Amino acid sequence: MTRRSMLVLALMSLCFGVTMLRAADAPKVETTEGSIKSVNADQMTFVLSVGPKHDKDATVTCDKDTKFLDSDAKEVKMADVVKQDAKVKVTVTDGKASKVEAYTCACDK
């Protein structure tokens, strides 16, 4: 192998390694929609009914960094959005809710 080929191979390996490290550091982000079944404001959690028939429950954990948005996309307090039977879209980043958005479903009209 020539010196030039070795250099190209080394650079390609380095680029691949950096790409793999970035992928491993990327946060896991998931989004789901559903109806709020119950709320525990003291623990900043709520149970969300999800699935096509709202037959599955998921406990959502919020923290001080969670953003709460009303149906006009205006930032509000948790109590303004997280209410029993409210429909919300939740973005979960690394296991905690990073954003909770109130929404109105066209199917409700």
Protein backbone atom coordinates (compact mmCIF):
# COMPACT_ATOMS: atom_id res chain seq x y z
CA MET A 1 0.00 0.00 0.00
CA THR A 2 1.29 3.43 -0.86
CA ARG A 3 1.72 6.21 1.64
CA ARG A 4 -1.10 8.14 -0.03
CA SER A 5 -3.51 5.18 0.27
CA MET A 6 -2.63 4.77 3.94
CA LEU A 7 -3.32 8.47 4.56
CA VAL A 8 -6.70 8.32 2.79
CA LEU A 9 -7.65 5.19 4.73
CA ALA A 10 -6.65 6.82 8.04
CA LEU A 11 -8.70 9.95 7.29
CA MET A 12 -11.74 7.89 6.32
CA SER A 13 -11.48 5.88 9.55
CA LEU A 14 -11.22 9.07 11.58
CA CYS A 15 -14.31 10.57 9.90
CA PHE A 16 -16.29 7.37 10.47
CA GLY A 17 -15.29 7.30 14.14
CA VAL A 18 -16.36 10.92 14.70
CA THR A 19 -19.69 10.24 12.99
CA MET A 20 -20.32 7.22 15.23
CA LEU A 21 -19.50 9.24 18.37
CA ARG A 22 -21.96 11.98 17.38
CA ALA A 23 -24.70 9.41 16.78
CA ALA A 24 -24.12 7.89 20.23
CA ASP A 25 -24.36 11.33 21.90
CA ALA A 26 -27.62 12.28 20.18
CA PRO A 27 -30.58 12.45 22.61
CA LYS A 28 -33.45 10.01 22.14
CA VAL A 29 -36.54 12.03 21.16
CA GLU A 30 -40.07 10.61 20.88
CA THR A 31 -43.43 12.29 20.29
CA THR A 32 -46.87 10.97 21.15
CA GLU A 33 -50.42 12.29 21.40
CA GLY A 34 -53.26 11.33 23.69
CA SER A 35 -55.75 12.32 26.38
CA ILE A 36 -54.72 13.01 29.95
CA LYS A 37 -56.23 10.42 32.27
CA SER A 38 -54.90 11.72 35.61
CA VAL A 39 -52.53 14.36 36.98
CA ASN A 40 -50.14 14.43 39.96
CA ALA A 41 -49.05 18.09 40.08
CA ASP A 42 -46.88 17.59 43.20
CA GLN A 43 -44.69 15.04 41.40
CA MET A 44 -45.04 16.81 38.02
CA THR A 45 -46.37 13.66 36.35
CA PHE A 46 -49.50 12.71 34.45
CA VAL A 47 -50.94 9.58 32.90
CA LEU A 48 -51.59 9.80 29.18
CA SER A 49 -54.01 7.44 27.39
CA VAL A 50 -52.39 6.61 24.06
CA GLY A 51 -52.94 4.29 21.14
CA PRO A 52 -55.60 4.21 18.43
CA LYS A 53 -58.29 3.30 20.98
CA HIS A 54 -56.69 5.17 23.91
CA ASP A 55 -56.34 1.75 25.52
CA LYS A 56 -52.74 2.09 26.68
CA ASP A 57 -51.48 4.29 29.50
CA ALA A 58 -48.11 6.02 29.70
CA THR A 59 -46.84 7.96 32.69
CA VAL A 60 -45.23 11.22 31.62
CA THR A 61 -42.65 12.87 33.87
CA CYS A 62 -42.06 16.62 33.61
CA ASP A 63 -39.42 18.81 35.25
CA LYS A 64 -38.53 22.48 35.65
CA ASP A 65 -37.25 22.61 32.06
CA THR A 66 -40.44 21.23 30.46
CA LYS A 67 -42.16 23.76 28.16
CA PHE A 68 -45.96 23.89 28.26
CA LEU A 69 -47.73 25.42 25.26
CA ASP A 70 -51.41 26.25 24.90
CA SER A 71 -53.32 25.67 21.65
CA ASP A 72 -52.06 29.05 20.37
CA ALA A 73 -48.44 27.90 20.92
CA LYS A 74 -48.03 30.41 23.77
CA GLU A 75 -45.88 29.27 26.71
CA VAL A 76 -47.99 28.81 29.85
CA LYS A 77 -47.85 27.02 33.22
CA MET A 78 -48.29 23.27 33.62
CA ALA A 79 -51.75 23.67 35.19
CA ASP A 80 -52.96 25.58 32.11
CA VAL A 81 -52.29 22.62 29.79
CA VAL A 82 -52.15 19.48 31.92
CA LYS A 83 -55.75 18.85 32.96
CA GLN A 84 -57.78 15.66 33.12
CA ASP A 85 -59.31 14.78 29.70
CA ALA A 86 -57.20 17.41 27.88
CA LYS A 87 -55.68 16.34 24.57
CA VAL A 88 -51.94 16.93 24.35
CA LYS A 89 -48.94 16.23 22.19
CA VAL A 90 -45.89 15.29 24.26
CA THR A 91 -42.26 15.42 23.17
CA VAL A 92 -40.08 13.21 25.35
CA THR A 93 -36.31 13.67 25.32
CA ASP A 94 -34.17 11.08 27.13
CA GLY A 95 -37.12 9.87 29.22
CA LYS A 96 -38.49 13.26 30.38
CA ALA A 97 -41.11 15.48 28.79
CA SER A 98 -39.34 18.39 27.11
CA LYS A 99 -42.54 19.86 25.64
CA VAL A 100 -46.27 19.41 26.29
CA GLU A 101 -48.60 21.05 23.77
CA ALA A 102 -52.37 21.39 24.07
CA TYR A 103 -54.20 20.75 20.83
CA THR A 104 -57.68 20.64 19.44
CA CYS A 105 -58.41 17.65 17.26
CA ALA A 106 -60.48 18.33 14.13
CA CYS A 107 -62.29 15.07 14.91
CA ASP A 108 -63.76 16.66 18.08
CA LYS A 109 -65.71 19.28 16.17
